[in-house]
Amino acid sequence: MDGGSWRSSRSPWGSVVLAAPACSLTEVMSEQLARQLDEENQDFPVPAADPEKGPDTESDLMLAQMLQMQFDREFDDQLRREERKFNGDSKVSISFENYRKVHPYEDSDSSEDEVDWQDTRHDPYRAVKPQTAPRRGFSGKGKNITTKHDEDACGRKNTARMDNFAPEVHVGDGLGMDLKLSNQVFNSLKQHCYSEQRRSARLHEKKEHSTAEQAVDPRTRLLMYKMVNSGVLENINGCISTGKESVVFHADGGSLEEQPVPEEVVLKVFKTTLNEFKNRDRYIKDDYRFKERFSKLNPRKVIRLWAEKEMHNLARMKKAGIPCPDVVLLKKHILVMSFIGKDHVPAPKIKDVALGSEEAAEAYRQVLQLMQRLYQDCSLVHADLSEYNMLWYQGKVWLIDVSQSVEPTHPHGLEFLFRDCRNVATVTAASLRYGPLHQRSDG
């Protein structure tokens, strides 16, 4: 069979499918063939558009309007979702109404015409504010004129101005009533609100920027978290001691590149509250090592000098062979030291330990030697030596809390040395001789 005739080809499924006759490119491009096809199409009648089946889509303009209307609906839906997500549960809402595309061909039977009070500017459930005087300062004419100084107008205006108070000030349902507040009452309320805001701000600032007893402020907590994240500490277990100038936490040691970290360490966090230790300045402002830096810092940054000072004093004592904690790391006002104790149990203080007669005599002799070596070898005066700042561990007396220690050349160095000697000779000696303070009898 030739190429211009109908050919039959067998389908892979078994049925015979008639192939379309071949057509050359010349016939496809022929204008005569196109006119012939148009004449054949005119023989068939075109059905009229049925209004029940929907709008006529033959017109390009109508089709474009329908597509634009559908696009505007989808855009408005997305805008409403974005508006609800942006406002959330906030009492003050932001409207995106100006960005909506209101199309004139949108039908009124759609579900989008449902009223959403969140999207309207006129909320029917909103309390009606009392009417006040107009902006021009008066209303009415002649004998019925009412100025802005009218008693009723001022009262209603003061009631409306209560809406400007802080959100934490509960004004009740007065905004929805015809309530009149005199200038004296309104000024008293406004002054009370301002006073409460200032008091709340002071309390909030004190709580956020201070370390209270057995607690730390957010900045200090962040430093502690960073130590754990960097691997210096494995975890922080809890508070083991508190004092007038610091809070001590127990932690499990991690690793450092420069030096090994003990398995158990302590974090000494110096308190940033200035009212805990008001006379701390006398221990550092006359110390020649920190005198120049002390005068250029504000009171809160001086706390870092206390941590740095204790680190240097402990380094001197460790070099001289005096039993004391080892310094691991200093980070601002947090000093990480080795833990004196075992298995999370800290070594007892001298005031809490019960020693026999021979151990008490040996402990007293060690205290005297430590004071002598501290003065001669380290050139330091403890300045707060008592039974509270000495630990008993492994048959030895350990010295702690040397942040206030000064050199003998300090203007009050000899005064502090005399006070240490008196404490050791009286209170500490009596504690070593008769046992802990809470176990002594009046006889």
Protein backbone atom coordinates (compact mmCIF):
# COMPACT_ATOMS: atom_id res chain seq x y z
CA MET A 1 0.00 0.00 0.00
CA ASP A 2 1.22 3.53 -0.76
CA GLY A 3 2.00 6.15 1.85
CA GLY A 4 -1.14 8.24 1.17
CA SER A 5 -3.62 5.48 1.93
CA TRP A 6 -4.86 4.27 5.31
CA ARG A 7 -2.64 1.79 6.98
CA SER A 8 -3.47 -0.64 9.75
CA SER A 9 -1.03 -1.44 12.50
CA ARG A 10 -1.45 -4.02 15.17
CA SER A 11 -1.53 -2.76 18.76
CA PRO A 12 0.62 -4.52 21.32
CA TRP A 13 -2.60 -5.30 23.18
CA GLY A 14 -3.99 -7.25 20.26
CA SER A 15 -6.53 -4.76 18.83
CA VAL A 16 -6.17 -3.09 15.43
CA VAL A 17 -5.72 0.69 15.49
CA LEU A 18 -6.14 2.73 12.31
CA ALA A 19 -3.26 5.14 11.79
CA ALA A 20 -3.91 8.71 10.60
CA PRO A 21 -3.14 9.39 6.93
CA ALA A 22 0.22 10.94 6.24
CA CYS A 23 0.28 14.64 5.35
CA SER A 24 3.12 16.54 3.83
CA LEU A 25 4.46 19.87 5.12
CA THR A 26 3.25 21.61 1.97
CA GLU A 27 -0.34 20.61 2.69
CA VAL A 28 -0.06 21.76 6.30
CA MET A 29 1.14 25.23 5.26
CA SER A 30 -1.45 25.57 2.50
CA GLU A 31 -3.89 28.47 2.98
CA GLN A 32 -6.41 26.75 0.71
CA LEU A 33 -6.53 23.81 3.10
CA ALA A 34 -7.10 26.18 6.03
CA ARG A 35 -10.06 27.86 4.28
CA GLN A 36 -11.50 24.46 3.48
CA LEU A 37 -11.36 23.43 7.14
CA ASP A 38 -13.06 26.69 8.22
CA GLU A 39 -15.90 26.07 5.72
CA GLU A 40 -16.38 22.57 7.08
CA ASN A 41 -16.53 23.87 10.67
CA GLN A 42 -19.19 26.42 9.75
CA ASP A 43 -21.53 23.62 8.75
CA PHE A 44 -21.85 22.59 12.41
CA PRO A 45 -24.03 24.87 14.56
CA VAL A 46 -22.41 26.45 17.64
CA PRO A 47 -24.50 25.80 20.80
CA ALA A 48 -25.60 28.85 22.81
CA ALA A 49 -24.10 29.45 26.19
CA ASP A 50 -26.15 28.01 29.03
CA PRO A 51 -26.32 30.42 31.99
CA GLU A 52 -26.72 27.52 34.42
CA LYS A 53 -23.38 26.04 33.36
CA GLY A 54 -21.44 29.17 34.32
CA PRO A 55 -19.98 32.18 32.51
CA ASP A 56 -18.84 32.04 28.93
CA THR A 57 -15.15 31.25 28.72
CA GLU A 58 -14.86 31.97 25.03
CA SER A 59 -14.02 35.62 25.71
CA ASP A 60 -10.39 36.22 26.68
CA LEU A 61 -11.39 39.24 28.79
CA MET A 62 -13.89 37.22 30.84
CA LEU A 63 -11.36 34.44 31.32
CA ALA A 64 -8.69 36.90 32.47
CA GLN A 65 -11.14 38.49 34.94
CA MET A 66 -12.03 35.10 36.37
CA LEU A 67 -8.38 34.18 36.82
CA GLN A 68 -7.63 37.55 38.43
CA MET A 69 -10.55 37.13 40.82
CA GLN A 70 -9.34 33.67 41.85
CA PHE A 71 -5.82 35.05 42.38
CA ASP A 72 -7.18 37.88 44.52
CA ARG A 73 -9.12 35.42 46.69
CA GLU A 74 -6.05 33.29 47.29
CA PHE A 75 -4.01 36.41 48.06
CA ASP A 76 -6.60 37.62 50.59
CA ASP A 77 -6.68 34.18 52.24
CA GLN A 78 -2.90 34.17 52.60
CA LEU A 79 -2.98 37.74 53.93
CA ARG A 80 -5.56 36.79 56.58
CA ARG A 81 -3.42 33.87 57.71
CA GLU A 82 -0.36 36.09 57.94
CA GLU A 83 -2.36 38.66 59.93
CA ARG A 84 -3.61 36.09 62.44
CA LYS A 85 -0.12 34.65 62.81
CA PHE A 86 1.41 38.11 63.32
CA ASN A 87 -1.13 39.24 65.93
CA GLY A 88 -1.45 35.95 67.81
CA ASP A 89 -3.05 36.46 71.23
CA SER A 90 -1.92 40.06 71.57
CA LYS A 91 -4.46 42.57 72.78
CA VAL A 92 -3.13 45.09 70.29
CA SER A 93 -3.67 43.81 66.74
CA ILE A 94 -2.28 45.04 63.45
CA SER A 95 -4.65 45.09 60.47
CA PHE A 96 -3.51 44.24 56.92
CA GLU A 97 -6.76 45.51 55.43
CA ASN A 98 -5.04 48.13 53.30
CA TYR A 99 -3.09 45.41 51.50
CA ARG A 100 -6.10 43.31 50.50
CA LYS A 101 -7.20 43.13 46.86
CA VAL A 102 -10.96 43.77 46.83
CA HIS A 103 -12.11 42.68 43.35
CA PRO A 104 -15.41 44.06 42.00
CA TYR A 105 -16.37 40.72 40.42
CA GLU A 106 -16.18 38.77 43.70
CA ASP A 107 -19.53 37.13 44.27
CA SER A 108 -21.42 37.69 47.50
CA ASP A 109 -22.30 34.02 48.01
CA SER A 110 -18.74 32.94 48.79
CA SER A 111 -17.61 32.00 52.27
CA GLU A 112 -15.10 34.83 52.24
CA ASP A 113 -17.93 37.31 53.00
CA GLU A 114 -18.25 35.93 56.52
CA VAL A 115 -17.49 38.70 58.98
CA ASP A 116 -14.25 38.25 60.89
CA TRP A 117 -14.24 40.72 63.77
CA GLN A 118 -10.48 40.38 64.04
CA ASP A 119 -10.16 41.92 60.56
CA THR A 120 -12.65 44.76 60.91
CA ARG A 121 -11.87 48.18 62.25
CA HIS A 122 -15.19 48.46 64.09
CA ASP A 123 -15.34 45.83 66.80
CA PRO A 124 -18.94 45.54 68.11
CA TYR A 125 -17.68 44.14 71.44
CA ARG A 126 -15.27 46.98 72.08
CA ALA A 127 -16.16 49.26 74.95
CA VAL A 128 -17.43 52.64 73.83
CA LYS A 129 -15.20 55.38 75.17
CA PRO A 130 -16.93 58.35 76.75
CA GLN A 131 -17.34 61.27 74.44
CA THR A 132 -14.95 64.13 75.14
CA ALA A 133 -14.68 67.68 73.96
CA PRO A 134 -13.71 68.16 70.27
CA ARG A 135 -10.22 69.12 69.18
CA ARG A 136 -11.12 72.76 68.72
CA GLY A 137 -11.77 73.10 72.45
CA PHE A 138 -15.46 73.93 72.43
CA SER A 139 -18.79 72.72 71.08
CA GLY A 140 -22.17 74.30 70.60
CA LYS A 141 -23.12 77.92 69.96
CA GLY A 142 -24.33 80.85 71.92
CA LYS A 143 -25.62 80.04 75.38
CA ASN A 144 -25.16 76.29 74.78
CA ILE A 145 -21.44 76.56 74.17
CA THR A 146 -19.29 74.04 76.09
CA THR A 147 -15.55 74.65 76.44
CA LYS A 148 -12.78 72.19 77.20
CA HIS A 149 -12.71 73.45 80.79
CA ASP A 150 -16.22 72.19 81.48
CA GLU A 151 -16.36 69.95 84.54
CA ASP A 152 -18.26 67.14 82.82
CA ALA A 153 -16.10 67.32 79.70
CA CYS A 154 -12.88 67.24 81.76
CA GLY A 155 -14.18 64.30 83.78
CA ARG A 156 -15.01 62.28 80.68
CA LYS A 157 -11.66 63.21 79.12
CA ASN A 158 -9.78 62.04 82.22
CA THR A 159 -11.69 58.76 82.11
CA ALA A 160 -10.70 58.23 78.49
CA ARG A 161 -7.06 59.02 79.27
CA MET A 162 -6.95 56.11 81.72
CA ASP A 163 -6.59 53.90 78.66
CA ASN A 164 -3.05 55.25 78.26
CA PHE A 165 -1.92 53.75 81.56
CA ALA A 166 0.45 50.80 81.58
CA PRO A 167 -1.09 47.38 80.82
CA GLU A 168 -0.39 46.14 84.34
CA VAL A 169 -2.62 48.90 85.76
CA HIS A 170 -6.15 47.51 85.95
CA VAL A 171 -8.64 50.32 85.38
CA GLY A 172 -11.72 48.08 85.48
CA ASP A 173 -14.84 48.77 83.41
CA GLY A 174 -14.72 52.52 83.85
CA LEU A 175 -13.89 53.09 80.19
CA GLY A 176 -17.27 51.73 79.10
CA MET A 177 -19.27 53.85 81.54
CA ASP A 178 -20.17 57.50 81.69
CA LEU A 179 -17.61 58.00 84.45
CA LYS A 180 -16.23 61.43 85.31
CA LEU A 181 -12.90 61.78 87.10
CA SER A 182 -11.83 65.07 88.53
CA ASN A 183 -8.39 66.44 87.77
CA GLN A 184 -7.25 65.81 91.34
CA VAL A 185 -8.25 62.15 91.27
CA PHE A 186 -6.78 61.60 87.80
CA ASN A 187 -3.45 63.22 88.72
CA SER A 188 -3.23 61.07 91.85
CA LEU A 189 -3.85 57.93 89.82
CA LYS A 190 -1.28 58.95 87.21
CA GLN A 191 1.35 59.69 89.84
CA HIS A 192 0.66 56.35 91.54
CA CYS A 193 1.08 54.50 88.21
CA TYR A 194 4.39 56.22 87.51
CA SER A 195 5.65 55.41 91.00
CA GLU A 196 4.68 51.75 90.63
CA GLN A 197 6.43 51.55 87.26
CA ARG A 198 9.66 52.99 88.69
CA ARG A 199 9.50 50.66 91.69
CA SER A 200 8.89 47.66 89.45
CA ALA A 201 11.77 48.67 87.19
CA ARG A 202 14.13 48.94 90.18
CA LEU A 203 13.11 45.54 91.51
CA HIS A 204 13.41 43.97 88.08
CA GLU A 205 16.85 45.46 87.52
CA LYS A 206 18.04 44.34 90.95
CA LYS A 207 16.78 40.81 90.28
CA GLU A 208 18.27 40.59 86.79
CA HIS A 209 21.67 42.10 87.55
CA SER A 210 22.48 40.73 90.99
CA THR A 211 23.41 37.40 92.53
CA ALA A 212 21.22 36.66 95.50
CA GLU A 213 21.89 34.00 98.10
CA GLN A 214 22.04 30.53 96.52
CA ALA A 215 21.02 32.04 93.16
CA VAL A 216 22.71 33.69 90.22
CA ASP A 217 21.66 36.34 87.76
CA PRO A 218 21.11 35.51 84.05
CA ARG A 219 24.57 36.77 83.02
CA THR A 220 26.31 34.59 85.58
CA ARG A 221 24.12 31.64 84.63
CA LEU A 222 25.11 32.13 81.00
CA LEU A 223 28.81 32.05 81.92
CA MET A 224 28.28 28.82 83.81
CA TYR A 225 26.43 27.28 80.85
CA LYS A 226 29.28 28.27 78.53
CA MET A 227 31.76 26.48 80.80
CA VAL A 228 29.68 23.33 80.53
CA ASN A 229 29.27 23.65 76.76
CA SER A 230 33.01 24.21 76.22
CA GLY A 231 33.86 21.05 78.14
CA VAL A 232 35.60 22.69 81.09
CA LEU A 233 32.85 21.30 83.34
CA GLU A 234 30.83 18.14 82.94
CA ASN A 235 27.90 19.39 85.01
CA ILE A 236 27.10 21.67 87.93
CA ASN A 237 25.62 19.85 90.89
CA GLY A 238 24.51 22.55 93.32
CA CYS A 239 25.36 25.06 96.02
CA ILE A 240 27.53 23.86 98.89
CA SER A 241 28.32 27.10 100.73
CA THR A 242 27.24 30.72 100.93
CA GLY A 243 28.92 33.74 102.41
CA LYS A 244 28.66 37.48 102.63
CA GLU A 245 30.64 37.96 99.42
CA SER A 246 30.27 34.78 97.34
CA VAL A 247 28.31 31.61 96.59
CA VAL A 248 30.17 28.31 96.09
CA PHE A 249 28.88 25.58 93.74
CA HIS A 250 30.11 22.02 93.32
CA ALA A 251 30.77 20.72 89.79
CA ASP A 252 32.35 17.81 87.96
CA GLY A 253 35.52 18.73 86.09
CA GLY A 254 35.97 18.32 82.35
CA SER A 255 39.09 19.08 80.31
CA LEU A 256 41.29 22.00 79.28
CA GLU A 257 43.99 22.20 76.64
CA GLU A 258 46.49 24.05 78.83
CA GLN A 259 46.16 22.04 82.04
CA PRO A 260 44.27 19.06 83.47
CA VAL A 261 41.02 19.70 85.32
CA PRO A 262 40.38 17.83 88.60
CA GLU A 263 37.49 15.41 88.74
CA GLU A 264 35.72 17.59 91.31
CA VAL A 265 35.88 21.38 91.27
CA VAL A 266 34.10 24.29 92.89
CA LEU A 267 32.79 27.49 91.31
CA LYS A 268 33.14 30.52 93.53
CA VAL A 269 30.67 33.11 92.24
CA PHE A 270 31.26 36.54 93.75
CA LYS A 271 28.04 38.37 94.52
CA THR A 272 27.34 41.47 92.49
CA THR A 273 25.05 42.99 95.10
CA LEU A 274 26.85 45.88 96.73
CA ASN A 275 24.88 45.81 99.98
CA GLU A 276 26.15 42.38 101.03
CA PHE A 277 29.69 43.50 101.84
CA LYS A 278 29.69 47.28 102.06
CA ASN A 279 33.21 47.73 103.45
CA ARG A 280 34.92 45.56 100.86
CA ASP A 281 36.58 48.61 99.26
CA ARG A 282 39.03 49.02 102.10
CA TYR A 283 40.63 45.67 101.21
CA ILE A 284 41.39 46.53 97.59
CA LYS A 285 41.46 50.26 96.94
CA ASP A 286 44.78 50.73 98.83
CA ASP A 287 46.40 47.59 97.38
CA TYR A 288 49.12 48.78 95.02
CA ARG A 289 48.48 45.83 92.69
CA PHE A 290 44.96 47.06 91.88
CA LYS A 291 45.05 50.70 92.92
CA GLU A 292 45.27 52.12 89.40
CA ARG A 293 42.55 49.86 88.01
CA PHE A 294 40.25 50.30 90.98
CA SER A 295 39.83 54.05 90.47
CA LYS A 296 38.72 53.61 86.84
CA LEU A 297 35.99 51.01 87.38
CA ASN A 298 32.40 51.29 88.49
CA PRO A 299 31.33 49.46 91.67
CA ARG A 300 29.94 46.45 89.80
CA LYS A 301 33.07 45.83 87.77
CA VAL A 302 35.16 45.93 90.95
CA ILE A 303 33.72 42.48 91.72
CA ARG A 304 35.92 41.06 88.96
CA LEU A 305 38.97 42.45 90.75
CA TRP A 306 38.00 40.43 93.81
CA ALA A 307 38.07 37.21 91.82
CA GLU A 308 41.36 38.17 90.20
CA LYS A 309 42.84 39.10 93.55
CA GLU A 310 41.96 35.74 95.09
CA MET A 311 43.46 33.96 92.08
CA HIS A 312 46.81 35.77 92.54
CA ASN A 313 46.81 35.18 96.30
CA LEU A 314 46.13 31.46 95.86
CA ALA A 315 48.94 31.25 93.29
CA ARG A 316 51.36 32.76 95.84
CA MET A 317 50.23 30.40 98.56
CA LYS A 318 50.47 27.35 96.29
CA LYS A 319 53.99 28.34 95.28
CA ALA A 320 54.99 28.55 98.96
CA GLY A 321 53.53 25.08 99.68
CA ILE A 322 50.61 26.24 101.82
CA PRO A 323 47.60 23.86 101.63
CA CYS A 324 44.96 25.70 99.61
CA PRO A 325 42.74 25.08 96.56
CA ASP A 326 44.31 24.98 93.09
CA VAL A 327 43.14 27.60 90.61
CA VAL A 328 41.71 26.07 87.42
CA LEU A 329 40.08 28.95 85.56
CA LEU A 330 39.01 32.56 86.04
CA LYS A 331 36.09 33.92 84.02
CA LYS A 332 35.04 37.44 85.00
CA HIS A 333 33.64 37.10 88.54
CA ILE A 334 33.60 33.26 88.56
CA LEU A 335 36.66 31.46 89.93
CA VAL A 336 36.98 27.72 89.30
CA MET A 337 39.13 25.90 91.89
CA SER A 338 39.86 22.36 92.96
CA PHE A 339 37.46 20.74 95.40
CA ILE A 340 38.73 20.02 98.92
CA GLY A 341 36.85 16.88 99.82
CA LYS A 342 35.85 13.57 98.28
CA ASP A 343 32.78 12.11 96.58
CA HIS A 344 30.79 15.36 96.66
CA VAL A 345 31.35 15.65 100.42
CA PRO A 346 33.25 18.87 101.27
CA ALA A 347 35.90 18.93 103.97
CA PRO A 348 34.49 20.20 107.28
CA LYS A 349 35.38 23.58 108.70
CA ILE A 350 37.37 23.86 111.90
CA LYS A 351 34.27 25.09 113.71
CA ASP A 352 32.36 21.91 112.80
CA VAL A 353 34.99 19.18 113.27
CA ALA A 354 35.47 17.27 116.54
CA LEU A 355 39.18 16.60 117.20
CA GLY A 356 40.90 14.73 119.95
CA SER A 357 43.44 16.38 122.23
CA GLU A 358 46.46 15.35 120.14
CA GLU A 359 44.81 16.28 116.83
CA ALA A 360 43.65 19.61 118.26
CA ALA A 361 47.17 20.45 119.43
CA GLU A 362 48.57 19.48 116.04
CA ALA A 363 45.94 21.57 114.23
CA TYR A 364 46.69 24.59 116.41
CA ARG A 365 50.40 24.23 115.70
CA GLN A 366 49.70 24.03 111.95
CA VAL A 367 47.61 27.19 112.09
CA LEU A 368 50.49 29.10 113.70
CA GLN A 369 52.94 27.81 111.09
CA LEU A 370 50.57 28.69 108.25
CA MET A 371 50.23 32.25 109.53
CA GLN A 372 54.01 32.57 109.77
CA ARG A 373 54.63 31.17 106.28
CA LEU A 374 51.82 33.26 104.84
CA TYR A 375 53.42 36.42 106.23
CA GLN A 376 57.07 35.62 105.53
CA ASP A 377 57.04 33.52 102.35
CA CYS A 378 53.95 34.89 100.60
CA SER A 379 54.07 38.44 101.98
CA LEU A 380 50.36 38.26 102.71
CA VAL A 381 48.00 38.87 105.60
CA HIS A 382 44.83 36.79 105.51
CA ALA A 383 42.73 39.64 106.99
CA ASP A 384 39.79 37.32 107.78
CA LEU A 385 41.34 34.28 109.45
CA SER A 386 38.90 32.42 111.67
CA GLU A 387 37.44 28.97 112.23
CA TYR A 388 35.07 29.65 109.31
CA ASN A 389 37.86 30.01 106.71
CA MET A 390 39.94 26.94 107.67
CA LEU A 391 39.17 23.37 106.62
CA TRP A 392 40.33 20.07 108.17
CA TYR A 393 41.11 17.47 105.51
CA GLN A 394 43.52 14.50 105.47
CA GLY A 395 45.00 15.53 108.82
CA LYS A 396 45.93 19.03 107.62
CA VAL A 397 44.56 22.54 107.94
CA TRP A 398 43.63 24.14 104.61
CA LEU A 399 43.24 27.89 104.14
CA ILE A 400 40.43 29.23 101.96
CA ASP A 401 38.77 32.54 101.19
CA VAL A 402 41.78 34.79 100.56
CA SER A 403 40.10 37.35 98.30
CA GLN A 404 40.43 40.02 100.98
CA SER A 405 44.06 39.15 101.82
CA VAL A 406 46.47 42.09 101.56
CA GLU A 407 50.19 42.65 101.74
CA PRO A 408 51.87 43.87 104.96
CA THR A 409 52.56 47.23 103.25
CA HIS A 410 48.81 47.90 103.09
CA PRO A 411 47.77 50.88 105.27
CA HIS A 412 45.60 48.54 107.35
CA GLY A 413 47.87 45.49 107.00
CA LEU A 414 49.08 45.43 110.62
CA GLU A 415 45.55 46.03 111.85
CA PHE A 416 44.32 43.02 109.89
CA LEU A 417 47.26 40.93 111.16
CA PHE A 418 46.49 41.79 114.77
CA ARG A 419 42.84 40.83 114.24
CA ASP A 420 43.88 37.45 112.74
CA CYS A 421 46.19 36.74 115.68
CA ARG A 422 43.44 37.61 118.15
CA ASN A 423 40.95 35.32 116.38
CA VAL A 424 43.41 32.43 116.34
CA ALA A 425 44.42 32.95 119.96
CA THR A 426 40.85 33.15 121.29
CA VAL A 427 38.04 31.74 119.17
CA THR A 428 40.04 29.30 117.01
CA ALA A 429 42.12 28.02 119.89
CA ALA A 430 39.00 27.46 121.99
CA SER A 431 37.33 25.65 119.08
CA LEU A 432 40.33 23.36 118.63
CA ARG A 433 40.61 22.70 122.33
CA TYR A 434 36.95 22.09 123.23
CA GLY A 435 35.48 20.92 119.92
CA PRO A 436 32.85 22.49 117.67
CA LEU A 437 31.00 25.56 118.85
CA HIS A 438 27.61 23.87 118.81
CA GLN A 439 28.89 21.02 121.07
CA ARG A 440 30.25 23.25 123.83
CA SER A 441 28.52 23.50 127.13
CA ASP A 442 28.15 26.61 129.23
CA GLY A 443 30.41 25.08 131.93
